[in-house]
Structure formats: C-alpha cells, structure tokens
Amino acid sequence: MPEVDAALSTLARCSTALLEESQAEQQRMEELNELSEAAIEQRAADRGTRYDAEYALLSVRLRLAIRCANAHRDAAHQFVCWWLDAAMAAWKSAVHGTPMPYAR
C-alpha cells in the first residue's frame, strides 16, 4: 500500500517537526525563567528598582512563553497520539488484509 506508506511517512515527518518546535518553545521558556530568577535575586539584594519596566516585560514574556510551551507540548502529544493510532490502524489493516478505514 504505497498510499498508506506515504501518508504514514508524512505523519512521521510532521510529528518530528512538531516535537522539535515544542522542544524549542520549552527551551525558550527555561531561558526566560532563568532570567526571571536572576532578576528576582537582584531585586532581593536591592540592586533593582521597585518599579522596573524591564522586569515587568520579562514577566510578561515568561508568562507568554509558559503558555506557548504548554500549548506546543499538548499539541505535540495529541498529534503524535493521532499518528500512532493511524499507524496501528495501517498495521492491523496490513496484517488482516482489510482495507484501511478512510477516516483514519
């Protein structure tokens, strides 16, 4: 079934891309978190001002990065699970010699 093989190959490539994007978002979140922790330590040591626009911006960026990383992680998990379901359906179809359900 070349058509099924091509579809599964494409799903695998897409899954890999989405997982890499998810990892990149996770990395960005971790980097911003480290910067935020350093800023908190500076403020605690009285080296920062009480009202610091840059700290507020960092806080906003970190919140956005957390949301983005979580959304990418969830999307990657769902997509990979869908891919796995499609792969299992294709395997069962091949083993039993039955047609692959179009919905899958």
C-alpha atoms as a PDB file:
ATOM      1  CA  MET A   1       0.000   0.000   0.000  1.00  0.00           C
ATOM      2  CA  PRO A   2       2.164   2.854  -1.214  1.00  0.00           C
ATOM      3  CA  GLU A   3      -0.565   5.369  -0.427  1.00  0.00           C
ATOM      4  CA  VAL A   4      -0.647   4.347   3.251  1.00  0.00           C
ATOM      5  CA  ASP A   5       3.158   4.244   3.426  1.00  0.00           C
ATOM      6  CA  ALA A   6       3.343   7.780   2.024  1.00  0.00           C
ATOM      7  CA  ALA A   7       0.728   9.037   4.480  1.00  0.00           C
ATOM      8  CA  LEU A   8       2.493   7.435   7.453  1.00  0.00           C
ATOM      9  CA  SER A   9       5.846   8.796   6.310  1.00  0.00           C
ATOM     10  CA  THR A  10       4.383  12.291   6.099  1.00  0.00           C
ATOM     11  CA  LEU A  11       2.802  11.941   9.541  1.00  0.00           C
ATOM     12  CA  ALA A  12       6.158  10.843  10.964  1.00  0.00           C
ATOM     13  CA  ARG A  13       7.911  13.859   9.424  1.00  0.00           C
ATOM     14  CA  CYS A  14       5.223  16.201  10.750  1.00  0.00           C
ATOM     15  CA  SER A  15       5.406  14.633  14.215  1.00  0.00           C
ATOM     16  CA  THR A  16       9.164  15.126  14.301  1.00  0.00           C
ATOM     17  CA  ALA A  17       8.810  18.764  13.266  1.00  0.00           C
ATOM     18  CA  LEU A  18       6.155  19.437  15.881  1.00  0.00           C
ATOM     19  CA  LEU A  19       8.192  17.759  18.622  1.00  0.00           C
ATOM     20  CA  GLU A  20      11.236  19.865  17.672  1.00  0.00           C
ATOM     21  CA  GLU A  21       9.133  23.029  17.781  1.00  0.00           C
ATOM     22  CA  SER A  22       7.781  22.011  21.165  1.00  0.00           C
ATOM     23  CA  GLN A  23      11.315  21.480  22.469  1.00  0.00           C
ATOM     24  CA  ALA A  24      12.374  24.900  21.174  1.00  0.00           C
ATOM     25  CA  GLU A  25       9.464  26.548  22.995  1.00  0.00           C
ATOM     26  CA  GLN A  26      10.354  24.653  26.166  1.00  0.00           C
ATOM     27  CA  GLN A  27      13.957  25.866  25.860  1.00  0.00           C
ATOM     28  CA  ARG A  28      12.812  29.487  25.423  1.00  0.00           C
ATOM     29  CA  MET A  29      10.616  29.178  28.499  1.00  0.00           C
ATOM     30  CA  GLU A  30      13.518  27.801  30.544  1.00  0.00           C
ATOM     31  CA  GLU A  31      15.832  30.603  29.381  1.00  0.00           C
ATOM     32  CA  LEU A  32      13.291  33.273  30.300  1.00  0.00           C
ATOM     33  CA  ASN A  33      12.699  31.587  33.644  1.00  0.00           C
ATOM     34  CA  GLU A  34      16.429  31.724  34.408  1.00  0.00           C
ATOM     35  CA  LEU A  35      16.485  35.430  33.524  1.00  0.00           C
ATOM     36  CA  SER A  36      13.460  35.997  35.737  1.00  0.00           C
ATOM     37  CA  GLU A  37      15.077  34.158  38.655  1.00  0.00           C
ATOM     38  CA  ALA A  38      18.222  36.281  38.263  1.00  0.00           C
ATOM     39  CA  ALA A  39      16.114  39.452  38.215  1.00  0.00           C
ATOM     40  CA  ILE A  40      14.301  38.349  41.370  1.00  0.00           C
ATOM     41  CA  GLU A  41      17.636  37.758  43.095  1.00  0.00           C
ATOM     42  CA  GLN A  42      18.849  41.215  42.022  1.00  0.00           C
ATOM     43  CA  ARG A  43      15.688  42.837  43.366  1.00  0.00           C
ATOM     44  CA  ALA A  44      16.020  40.914  46.625  1.00  0.00           C
ATOM     45  CA  ALA A  45      19.581  42.188  47.014  1.00  0.00           C
ATOM     46  CA  ASP A  46      18.262  45.729  46.491  1.00  0.00           C
ATOM     47  CA  ARG A  47      20.131  46.091  43.242  1.00  0.00           C
ATOM     48  CA  GLY A  48      16.969  46.692  41.247  1.00  0.00           C
ATOM     49  CA  THR A  49      14.357  49.377  41.434  1.00  0.00           C
ATOM     50  CA  ARG A  50      10.949  48.647  42.806  1.00  0.00           C
ATOM     51  CA  TYR A  51       9.185  49.661  39.591  1.00  0.00           C
ATOM     52  CA  ASP A  52      11.222  48.236  36.757  1.00  0.00           C
ATOM     53  CA  ALA A  53       9.645  48.195  33.291  1.00  0.00           C
ATOM     54  CA  GLU A  54      12.232  45.696  32.032  1.00  0.00           C
ATOM     55  CA  TYR A  55      11.391  43.288  34.850  1.00  0.00           C
ATOM     56  CA  ALA A  56       7.685  43.672  34.079  1.00  0.00           C
ATOM     57  CA  LEU A  57       8.359  42.966  30.394  1.00  0.00           C
ATOM     58  CA  LEU A  58      10.387  39.904  31.330  1.00  0.00           C
ATOM     59  CA  SER A  59       7.499  38.713  33.461  1.00  0.00           C
ATOM     60  CA  VAL A  60       5.059  39.156  30.567  1.00  0.00           C
ATOM     61  CA  ARG A  61       7.389  37.322  28.185  1.00  0.00           C
ATOM     62  CA  LEU A  62       7.799  34.470  30.648  1.00  0.00           C
ATOM     63  CA  ARG A  63       4.025  34.082  31.071  1.00  0.00           C
ATOM     64  CA  LEU A  64       3.606  34.028  27.285  1.00  0.00           C
ATOM     65  CA  ALA A  65       6.453  31.536  26.890  1.00  0.00           C
ATOM     66  CA  ILE A  66       4.895  29.242  29.507  1.00  0.00           C
ATOM     67  CA  ARG A  67       1.550  29.309  27.712  1.00  0.00           C
ATOM     68  CA  CYS A  68       3.212  28.746  24.356  1.00  0.00           C
ATOM     69  CA  ALA A  69       5.392  25.887  25.628  1.00  0.00           C
ATOM     70  CA  ASN A  70       2.386  24.206  27.242  1.00  0.00           C
ATOM     71  CA  ALA A  71       0.284  24.610  24.102  1.00  0.00           C
ATOM     72  CA  HIS A  72       3.072  23.201  21.900  1.00  0.00           C
ATOM     73  CA  ARG A  73       3.585  20.282  24.279  1.00  0.00           C
ATOM     74  CA  ASP A  74      -0.123  19.447  24.332  1.00  0.00           C
ATOM     75  CA  ALA A  75      -0.423  19.773  20.546  1.00  0.00           C
ATOM     76  CA  ALA A  76       2.625  17.567  20.016  1.00  0.00           C
ATOM     77  CA  HIS A  77       1.251  14.878  22.331  1.00  0.00           C
ATOM     78  CA  GLN A  78      -2.129  14.907  20.604  1.00  0.00           C
ATOM     79  CA  PHE A  79      -0.610  14.851  17.121  1.00  0.00           C
ATOM     80  CA  VAL A  80       1.780  12.006  17.954  1.00  0.00           C
ATOM     81  CA  CYS A  81      -1.064  10.005  19.525  1.00  0.00           C
ATOM     82  CA  TRP A  82      -3.111  10.536  16.368  1.00  0.00           C
ATOM     83  CA  TRP A  83      -0.146   9.427  14.265  1.00  0.00           C
ATOM     84  CA  LEU A  84       0.290   6.327  16.420  1.00  0.00           C
ATOM     85  CA  ASP A  85      -3.400   5.494  16.070  1.00  0.00           C
ATOM     86  CA  ALA A  86      -3.156   5.826  12.287  1.00  0.00           C
ATOM     87  CA  ALA A  87      -0.014   3.670  12.214  1.00  0.00           C
ATOM     88  CA  MET A  88      -1.677   0.963  14.295  1.00  0.00           C
ATOM     89  CA  ALA A  89      -4.748   1.002  12.049  1.00  0.00           C
ATOM     90  CA  ALA A  90      -2.495   0.653   8.994  1.00  0.00           C
ATOM     91  CA  TRP A  91      -0.604  -2.221  10.619  1.00  0.00           C
ATOM     92  CA  LYS A  92      -3.837  -4.029  11.509  1.00  0.00           C
ATOM     93  CA  SER A  93      -5.116  -3.456   8.002  1.00  0.00           C
ATOM     94  CA  ALA A  94      -1.948  -4.929   6.509  1.00  0.00           C
ATOM     95  CA  VAL A  95      -1.880  -7.925   8.875  1.00  0.00           C
ATOM     96  CA  HIS A  96      -5.536  -8.788   8.346  1.00  0.00           C
ATOM     97  CA  GLY A  97      -5.618  -7.874   4.655  1.00  0.00           C
ATOM     98  CA  THR A  98      -8.503  -5.495   5.164  1.00  0.00           C
ATOM     99  CA  PRO A  99      -8.810  -2.024   3.680  1.00  0.00           C
ATOM    100  CA  MET A 100      -7.642   0.901   5.745  1.00  0.00           C
ATOM    101  CA  PRO A 101     -10.602   2.935   7.021  1.00  0.00           C
ATOM    102  CA  TYR A 102     -10.662   6.229   5.118  1.00  0.00           C
ATOM    103  CA  ALA A 103     -11.393   8.184   8.314  1.00  0.00           C
ATOM    104  CA  ARG A 104      -8.061   7.158   9.718  1.00  0.00           C
END
